[in-house]
Amino acid sequence: MPVLLTVFAIVILLLVLGGCGEKKSFAPPVPTPAQTAPKSTSLSRSETQQRLKQLATAPAPTSLNHGAMCYDSAGPALVSQYLCPKCGNKSVYPLPADGRTSPEVGALTWELQACKRQVGELKDIELDESQFCKKCSPNVTAPKLVLVVRYEDRAEPHRAEGVTHQDLAIVQEFLSGKTKHMGEQGRETALKDYLKRLQFLLGIEIDK
């Protein structure tokens, strides 16, 4: 009898030790409906209009960073070349005879690359640079960068000519829900100050 009790105790001990060594599996948490619902990435014209109205009526932020007060300015470019990604033609824009930087040279020298980087972060918004190709746009005498905004609730895209990297910055800030614009040297201004420009860029007017 003592032998049977000893054997029984050993069996129980082995079962307990074996159970402690087992790996427990945990089922992954079930995502909530808010987590599984796809995020809306397309621009809605009606929703954008409502957001512009909210920006117009909201108080401007009072805590603004004035940024640095000094910076080095780059000298004027002597010539700018544009290589068309569609036809491969090279268009040359020389510096005007008076030595001043023309809008075309300035756009190709400072604006184009900055605008390309910024527009790549925006959904349903494109940059049309075709006016700078003298072969694709032979009748254009004053080429400009064009912002193309596509809305899911509007058939035709909106086009805004003469955009700059600052224009794309305020569009990006507005669509991100920000209330401040970050300018050069870290200087902050109220995004509300650019309300009229935003209406032009986005092709939406709001009631005054």
C-alpha atoms as a PDB file:
ATOM      1  CA  MET A   1       0.000   0.000   0.000  1.00  0.00           C
ATOM      2  CA  PRO A   2       2.724   2.545   0.807  1.00  0.00           C
ATOM      3  CA  VAL A   3       4.335   1.635  -2.534  1.00  0.00           C
ATOM      4  CA  LEU A   4       1.111   2.419  -4.412  1.00  0.00           C
ATOM      5  CA  LEU A   5       0.764   5.750  -2.640  1.00  0.00           C
ATOM      6  CA  THR A   6       4.347   6.609  -3.509  1.00  0.00           C
ATOM      7  CA  VAL A   7       3.813   5.726  -7.179  1.00  0.00           C
ATOM      8  CA  PHE A   8       0.574   7.703  -7.254  1.00  0.00           C
ATOM      9  CA  ALA A   9       2.298  10.732  -5.718  1.00  0.00           C
ATOM     10  CA  ILE A  10       5.098  10.558  -8.288  1.00  0.00           C
ATOM     11  CA  VAL A  11       2.580  10.412 -11.168  1.00  0.00           C
ATOM     12  CA  ILE A  12       0.708  13.439  -9.808  1.00  0.00           C
ATOM     13  CA  LEU A  13       3.964  15.364  -9.415  1.00  0.00           C
ATOM     14  CA  LEU A  14       5.017  14.603 -13.003  1.00  0.00           C
ATOM     15  CA  LEU A  15       1.635  15.749 -14.332  1.00  0.00           C
ATOM     16  CA  VAL A  16       1.899  19.003 -12.400  1.00  0.00           C
ATOM     17  CA  LEU A  17       5.433  19.662 -13.604  1.00  0.00           C
ATOM     18  CA  GLY A  18       4.479  18.834 -17.178  1.00  0.00           C
ATOM     19  CA  GLY A  19       1.569  21.256 -17.073  1.00  0.00           C
ATOM     20  CA  CYS A  20       3.833  24.069 -15.867  1.00  0.00           C
ATOM     21  CA  GLY A  21       6.124  23.601 -18.845  1.00  0.00           C
ATOM     22  CA  GLU A  22       3.383  23.863 -21.448  1.00  0.00           C
ATOM     23  CA  LYS A  23       3.302  27.020 -23.518  1.00  0.00           C
ATOM     24  CA  LYS A  24       0.080  28.914 -23.287  1.00  0.00           C
ATOM     25  CA  SER A  25      -1.352  30.354 -26.485  1.00  0.00           C
ATOM     26  CA  PHE A  26      -3.197  33.593 -26.413  1.00  0.00           C
ATOM     27  CA  ALA A  27      -5.618  34.601 -29.149  1.00  0.00           C
ATOM     28  CA  PRO A  28      -4.898  38.023 -30.658  1.00  0.00           C
ATOM     29  CA  PRO A  29      -7.279  40.767 -29.550  1.00  0.00           C
ATOM     30  CA  VAL A  30     -10.282  41.199 -31.770  1.00  0.00           C
ATOM     31  CA  PRO A  31     -10.139  44.648 -33.371  1.00  0.00           C
ATOM     32  CA  THR A  32     -13.018  46.959 -32.676  1.00  0.00           C
ATOM     33  CA  PRO A  33     -15.184  48.281 -35.540  1.00  0.00           C
ATOM     34  CA  ALA A  34     -13.332  51.610 -35.341  1.00  0.00           C
ATOM     35  CA  GLN A  35     -10.025  49.789 -35.907  1.00  0.00           C
ATOM     36  CA  THR A  36     -11.264  47.656 -38.798  1.00  0.00           C
ATOM     37  CA  ALA A  37     -13.079  50.429 -40.653  1.00  0.00           C
ATOM     38  CA  PRO A  38     -11.013  51.735 -43.594  1.00  0.00           C
ATOM     39  CA  LYS A  39      -9.817  55.297 -43.345  1.00  0.00           C
ATOM     40  CA  SER A  40     -11.166  57.740 -45.902  1.00  0.00           C
ATOM     41  CA  THR A  41      -8.325  59.066 -48.033  1.00  0.00           C
ATOM     42  CA  SER A  42     -10.267  60.698 -50.888  1.00  0.00           C
ATOM     43  CA  LEU A  43     -11.036  64.385 -50.846  1.00  0.00           C
ATOM     44  CA  SER A  44     -14.647  65.424 -50.553  1.00  0.00           C
ATOM     45  CA  ARG A  45     -15.474  68.893 -51.834  1.00  0.00           C
ATOM     46  CA  SER A  46     -18.439  69.335 -49.493  1.00  0.00           C
ATOM     47  CA  GLU A  47     -16.430  68.219 -46.461  1.00  0.00           C
ATOM     48  CA  THR A  48     -13.511  70.459 -47.434  1.00  0.00           C
ATOM     49  CA  GLN A  49     -15.896  73.397 -47.732  1.00  0.00           C
ATOM     50  CA  GLN A  50     -17.191  72.771 -44.212  1.00  0.00           C
ATOM     51  CA  ARG A  51     -13.641  72.644 -42.878  1.00  0.00           C
ATOM     52  CA  LEU A  52     -12.861  75.963 -44.558  1.00  0.00           C
ATOM     53  CA  LYS A  53     -15.905  77.491 -42.870  1.00  0.00           C
ATOM     54  CA  GLN A  54     -14.721  76.169 -39.519  1.00  0.00           C
ATOM     55  CA  LEU A  55     -11.299  77.698 -40.098  1.00  0.00           C
ATOM     56  CA  ALA A  56     -12.918  81.031 -40.961  1.00  0.00           C
ATOM     57  CA  THR A  57     -14.961  81.167 -37.757  1.00  0.00           C
ATOM     58  CA  ALA A  58     -12.398  79.673 -35.365  1.00  0.00           C
ATOM     59  CA  PRO A  59     -10.214  82.073 -33.348  1.00  0.00           C
ATOM     60  CA  ALA A  60      -6.651  82.431 -34.578  1.00  0.00           C
ATOM     61  CA  PRO A  61      -3.950  80.880 -32.382  1.00  0.00           C
ATOM     62  CA  THR A  62      -2.187  83.397 -30.150  1.00  0.00           C
ATOM     63  CA  SER A  63       0.939  81.389 -29.302  1.00  0.00           C
ATOM     64  CA  LEU A  64       3.172  81.715 -32.366  1.00  0.00           C
ATOM     65  CA  ASN A  65       6.880  81.156 -32.840  1.00  0.00           C
ATOM     66  CA  HIS A  66       8.534  84.157 -34.507  1.00  0.00           C
ATOM     67  CA  GLY A  67      11.482  82.074 -35.728  1.00  0.00           C
ATOM     68  CA  ALA A  68      14.990  83.197 -36.600  1.00  0.00           C
ATOM     69  CA  MET A  69      15.556  86.768 -37.745  1.00  0.00           C
ATOM     70  CA  CYS A  70      18.502  86.285 -40.091  1.00  0.00           C
ATOM     71  CA  TYR A  71      19.254  84.006 -43.008  1.00  0.00           C
ATOM     72  CA  ASP A  72      21.460  83.814 -46.079  1.00  0.00           C
ATOM     73  CA  SER A  73      19.757  84.451 -49.390  1.00  0.00           C
ATOM     74  CA  ALA A  74      20.819  82.601 -52.493  1.00  0.00           C
ATOM     75  CA  GLY A  75      22.065  84.514 -55.510  1.00  0.00           C
ATOM     76  CA  PRO A  76      20.057  84.630 -58.726  1.00  0.00           C
ATOM     77  CA  ALA A  77      20.332  81.683 -61.087  1.00  0.00           C
ATOM     78  CA  LEU A  78      21.824  82.474 -64.499  1.00  0.00           C
ATOM     79  CA  VAL A  79      19.886  79.867 -66.438  1.00  0.00           C
ATOM     80  CA  SER A  80      17.394  77.109 -65.796  1.00  0.00           C
ATOM     81  CA  GLN A  81      16.751  74.020 -67.849  1.00  0.00           C
ATOM     82  CA  TYR A  82      13.615  71.931 -67.831  1.00  0.00           C
ATOM     83  CA  LEU A  83      13.662  68.317 -68.984  1.00  0.00           C
ATOM     84  CA  CYS A  84      10.137  67.193 -69.792  1.00  0.00           C
ATOM     85  CA  PRO A  85       9.350  63.780 -68.273  1.00  0.00           C
ATOM     86  CA  LYS A  86       6.743  63.113 -70.973  1.00  0.00           C
ATOM     87  CA  CYS A  87       8.487  63.922 -74.259  1.00  0.00           C
ATOM     88  CA  GLY A  88      12.109  64.253 -73.139  1.00  0.00           C
ATOM     89  CA  ASN A  89      12.506  67.731 -74.637  1.00  0.00           C
ATOM     90  CA  LYS A  90      14.897  70.145 -72.914  1.00  0.00           C
ATOM     91  CA  SER A  91      13.654  73.726 -72.524  1.00  0.00           C
ATOM     92  CA  VAL A  92      16.114  76.478 -71.588  1.00  0.00           C
ATOM     93  CA  TYR A  93      15.136  79.603 -69.659  1.00  0.00           C
ATOM     94  CA  PRO A  94      17.988  82.168 -69.439  1.00  0.00           C
ATOM     95  CA  LEU A  95      18.262  85.026 -66.995  1.00  0.00           C
ATOM     96  CA  PRO A  96      16.668  88.242 -68.378  1.00  0.00           C
ATOM     97  CA  ALA A  97      18.958  90.961 -69.722  1.00  0.00           C
ATOM     98  CA  ASP A  98      18.258  93.217 -66.728  1.00  0.00           C
ATOM     99  CA  GLY A  99      19.765  90.627 -64.392  1.00  0.00           C
ATOM    100  CA  ARG A 100      16.586  90.028 -62.441  1.00  0.00           C
ATOM    101  CA  THR A 101      15.360  86.507 -61.852  1.00  0.00           C
ATOM    102  CA  SER A 102      12.326  85.808 -64.009  1.00  0.00           C
ATOM    103  CA  PRO A 103       9.333  83.899 -62.594  1.00  0.00           C
ATOM    104  CA  GLU A 104      10.175  81.005 -64.912  1.00  0.00           C
ATOM    105  CA  VAL A 105      13.793  80.756 -63.733  1.00  0.00           C
ATOM    106  CA  GLY A 106      12.722  81.142 -60.121  1.00  0.00           C
ATOM    107  CA  ALA A 107      10.077  78.436 -60.442  1.00  0.00           C
ATOM    108  CA  LEU A 108      12.491  75.961 -61.994  1.00  0.00           C
ATOM    109  CA  THR A 109      15.359  76.826 -59.669  1.00  0.00           C
ATOM    110  CA  TRP A 110      13.625  76.944 -56.283  1.00  0.00           C
ATOM    111  CA  GLU A 111       9.983  75.975 -56.546  1.00  0.00           C
ATOM    112  CA  LEU A 112       9.671  72.883 -58.736  1.00  0.00           C
ATOM    113  CA  GLN A 113      11.609  70.362 -56.652  1.00  0.00           C
ATOM    114  CA  ALA A 114      10.155  71.643 -53.377  1.00  0.00           C
ATOM    115  CA  CYS A 115       6.638  71.417 -54.803  1.00  0.00           C
ATOM    116  CA  LYS A 116       7.252  67.890 -56.067  1.00  0.00           C
ATOM    117  CA  ARG A 117       8.325  66.723 -52.644  1.00  0.00           C
ATOM    118  CA  GLN A 118       5.303  68.273 -50.951  1.00  0.00           C
ATOM    119  CA  VAL A 119       2.674  67.167 -53.443  1.00  0.00           C
ATOM    120  CA  GLY A 120       3.857  63.578 -53.084  1.00  0.00           C
ATOM    121  CA  GLU A 121       2.451  63.599 -49.548  1.00  0.00           C
ATOM    122  CA  LEU A 122      -1.013  64.762 -50.609  1.00  0.00           C
ATOM    123  CA  LYS A 123      -3.823  62.439 -51.658  1.00  0.00           C
ATOM    124  CA  ASP A 124      -5.779  63.257 -54.834  1.00  0.00           C
ATOM    125  CA  ILE A 125      -3.642  66.346 -55.481  1.00  0.00           C
ATOM    126  CA  GLU A 126      -1.187  66.553 -58.371  1.00  0.00           C
ATOM    127  CA  LEU A 127       1.279  69.031 -59.848  1.00  0.00           C
ATOM    128  CA  ASP A 128       1.045  69.851 -63.561  1.00  0.00           C
ATOM    129  CA  GLU A 129       4.387  71.219 -64.806  1.00  0.00           C
ATOM    130  CA  SER A 130       3.735  70.746 -68.521  1.00  0.00           C
ATOM    131  CA  GLN A 131       3.629  74.494 -69.230  1.00  0.00           C
ATOM    132  CA  PHE A 132       7.425  74.609 -68.809  1.00  0.00           C
ATOM    133  CA  CYS A 133       7.966  72.299 -71.782  1.00  0.00           C
ATOM    134  CA  LYS A 134       8.263  74.438 -74.908  1.00  0.00           C
ATOM    135  CA  LYS A 135       7.447  71.438 -77.075  1.00  0.00           C
ATOM    136  CA  CYS A 136       4.348  70.274 -75.190  1.00  0.00           C
ATOM    137  CA  SER A 137       3.118  73.833 -74.588  1.00  0.00           C
ATOM    138  CA  PRO A 138       4.435  75.895 -77.520  1.00  0.00           C
ATOM    139  CA  ASN A 139       1.835  78.656 -77.112  1.00  0.00           C
ATOM    140  CA  VAL A 140       2.527  79.336 -73.445  1.00  0.00           C
ATOM    141  CA  THR A 141       4.606  82.494 -73.013  1.00  0.00           C
ATOM    142  CA  ALA A 142       4.552  82.710 -69.210  1.00  0.00           C
ATOM    143  CA  PRO A 143       4.666  79.121 -67.858  1.00  0.00           C
ATOM    144  CA  LYS A 144       3.408  78.413 -64.369  1.00  0.00           C
ATOM    145  CA  LEU A 145       3.112  75.455 -62.053  1.00  0.00           C
ATOM    146  CA  VAL A 146      -0.473  74.213 -61.851  1.00  0.00           C
ATOM    147  CA  LEU A 147      -2.082  72.506 -58.871  1.00  0.00           C
ATOM    148  CA  VAL A 148      -4.673  69.867 -59.803  1.00  0.00           C
ATOM    149  CA  VAL A 149      -7.154  68.904 -57.078  1.00  0.00           C
ATOM    150  CA  ARG A 150      -9.507  65.961 -57.595  1.00  0.00           C
ATOM    151  CA  TYR A 151     -12.668  65.571 -55.513  1.00  0.00           C
ATOM    152  CA  GLU A 152     -14.666  62.377 -55.217  1.00  0.00           C
ATOM    153  CA  ASP A 153     -17.931  64.348 -55.411  1.00  0.00           C
ATOM    154  CA  ARG A 154     -16.950  66.520 -58.374  1.00  0.00           C
ATOM    155  CA  ALA A 155     -16.533  65.297 -61.952  1.00  0.00           C
ATOM    156  CA  GLU A 156     -13.927  67.769 -63.170  1.00  0.00           C
ATOM    157  CA  PRO A 157     -10.698  68.473 -61.259  1.00  0.00           C
ATOM    158  CA  HIS A 158      -9.926  71.971 -60.040  1.00  0.00           C
ATOM    159  CA  ARG A 159      -6.821  73.642 -61.479  1.00  0.00           C
ATOM    160  CA  ALA A 160      -4.983  76.524 -59.811  1.00  0.00           C
ATOM    161  CA  GLU A 161      -2.142  78.206 -61.733  1.00  0.00           C
ATOM    162  CA  GLY A 162       0.952  79.832 -60.292  1.00  0.00           C
ATOM    163  CA  VAL A 163       1.405  77.727 -57.163  1.00  0.00           C
ATOM    164  CA  THR A 164       4.476  77.820 -54.915  1.00  0.00           C
ATOM    165  CA  HIS A 165       5.900  75.546 -52.247  1.00  0.00           C
ATOM    166  CA  GLN A 166       4.269  77.755 -49.625  1.00  0.00           C
ATOM    167  CA  ASP A 167       0.893  77.163 -51.275  1.00  0.00           C
ATOM    168  CA  LEU A 168       1.378  73.415 -51.007  1.00  0.00           C
ATOM    169  CA  ALA A 169       2.522  73.817 -47.414  1.00  0.00           C
ATOM    170  CA  ILE A 170      -0.659  75.614 -46.338  1.00  0.00           C
ATOM    171  CA  VAL A 171      -2.807  73.077 -48.215  1.00  0.00           C
ATOM    172  CA  GLN A 172      -1.047  70.227 -46.447  1.00  0.00           C
ATOM    173  CA  GLU A 173      -1.361  71.949 -43.080  1.00  0.00           C
ATOM    174  CA  PHE A 174      -5.048  72.667 -43.641  1.00  0.00           C
ATOM    175  CA  LEU A 175      -5.856  69.095 -44.676  1.00  0.00           C
ATOM    176  CA  SER A 176      -3.920  67.847 -41.632  1.00  0.00           C
ATOM    177  CA  GLY A 177      -6.165  69.880 -39.331  1.00  0.00           C
ATOM    178  CA  LYS A 178      -3.494  72.329 -38.235  1.00  0.00           C
ATOM    179  CA  THR A 179      -4.208  75.947 -37.294  1.00  0.00           C
ATOM    180  CA  LYS A 180      -0.692  77.316 -37.829  1.00  0.00           C
ATOM    181  CA  HIS A 181       1.531  77.728 -40.864  1.00  0.00           C
ATOM    182  CA  MET A 182       5.227  76.981 -40.445  1.00  0.00           C
ATOM    183  CA  GLY A 183       7.153  79.431 -42.606  1.00  0.00           C
ATOM    184  CA  GLU A 184      10.816  80.107 -43.284  1.00  0.00           C
ATOM    185  CA  GLN A 185      13.226  79.900 -40.355  1.00  0.00           C
ATOM    186  CA  GLY A 186      10.529  78.327 -38.186  1.00  0.00           C
ATOM    187  CA  ARG A 187       8.296  81.420 -38.168  1.00  0.00           C
ATOM    188  CA  GLU A 188       4.689  80.574 -37.377  1.00  0.00           C
ATOM    189  CA  THR A 189       1.610  82.444 -38.570  1.00  0.00           C
ATOM    190  CA  ALA A 190      -2.078  81.717 -38.205  1.00  0.00           C
ATOM    191  CA  LEU A 191      -3.337  79.484 -40.995  1.00  0.00           C
ATOM    192  CA  LYS A 192      -6.504  81.548 -40.913  1.00  0.00           C
ATOM    193  CA  ASP A 193      -4.521  84.400 -42.494  1.00  0.00           C
ATOM    194  CA  TYR A 194      -4.284  82.319 -45.696  1.00  0.00           C
ATOM    195  CA  LEU A 195      -7.998  81.571 -45.934  1.00  0.00           C
ATOM    196  CA  LYS A 196      -8.488  83.461 -49.210  1.00  0.00           C
ATOM    197  CA  ARG A 197      -5.487  81.714 -50.777  1.00  0.00           C
ATOM    198  CA  LEU A 198      -6.754  78.329 -49.621  1.00  0.00           C
ATOM    199  CA  GLN A 199     -10.099  78.976 -51.301  1.00  0.00           C
ATOM    200  CA  PHE A 200      -8.280  79.721 -54.560  1.00  0.00           C
ATOM    201  CA  LEU A 201      -6.009  76.689 -54.314  1.00  0.00           C
ATOM    202  CA  LEU A 202      -8.808  74.282 -53.426  1.00  0.00           C
ATOM    203  CA  GLY A 203     -11.362  75.831 -55.762  1.00  0.00           C
ATOM    204  CA  ILE A 204     -13.934  76.350 -53.010  1.00  0.00           C
ATOM    205  CA  GLU A 205     -15.635  79.555 -51.959  1.00  0.00           C
ATOM    206  CA  ILE A 206     -17.304  79.982 -48.610  1.00  0.00           C
ATOM    207  CA  ASP A 207     -19.963  82.407 -47.498  1.00  0.00           C
ATOM    208  CA  LYS A 208     -18.563  85.546 -45.950  1.00  0.00           C
END
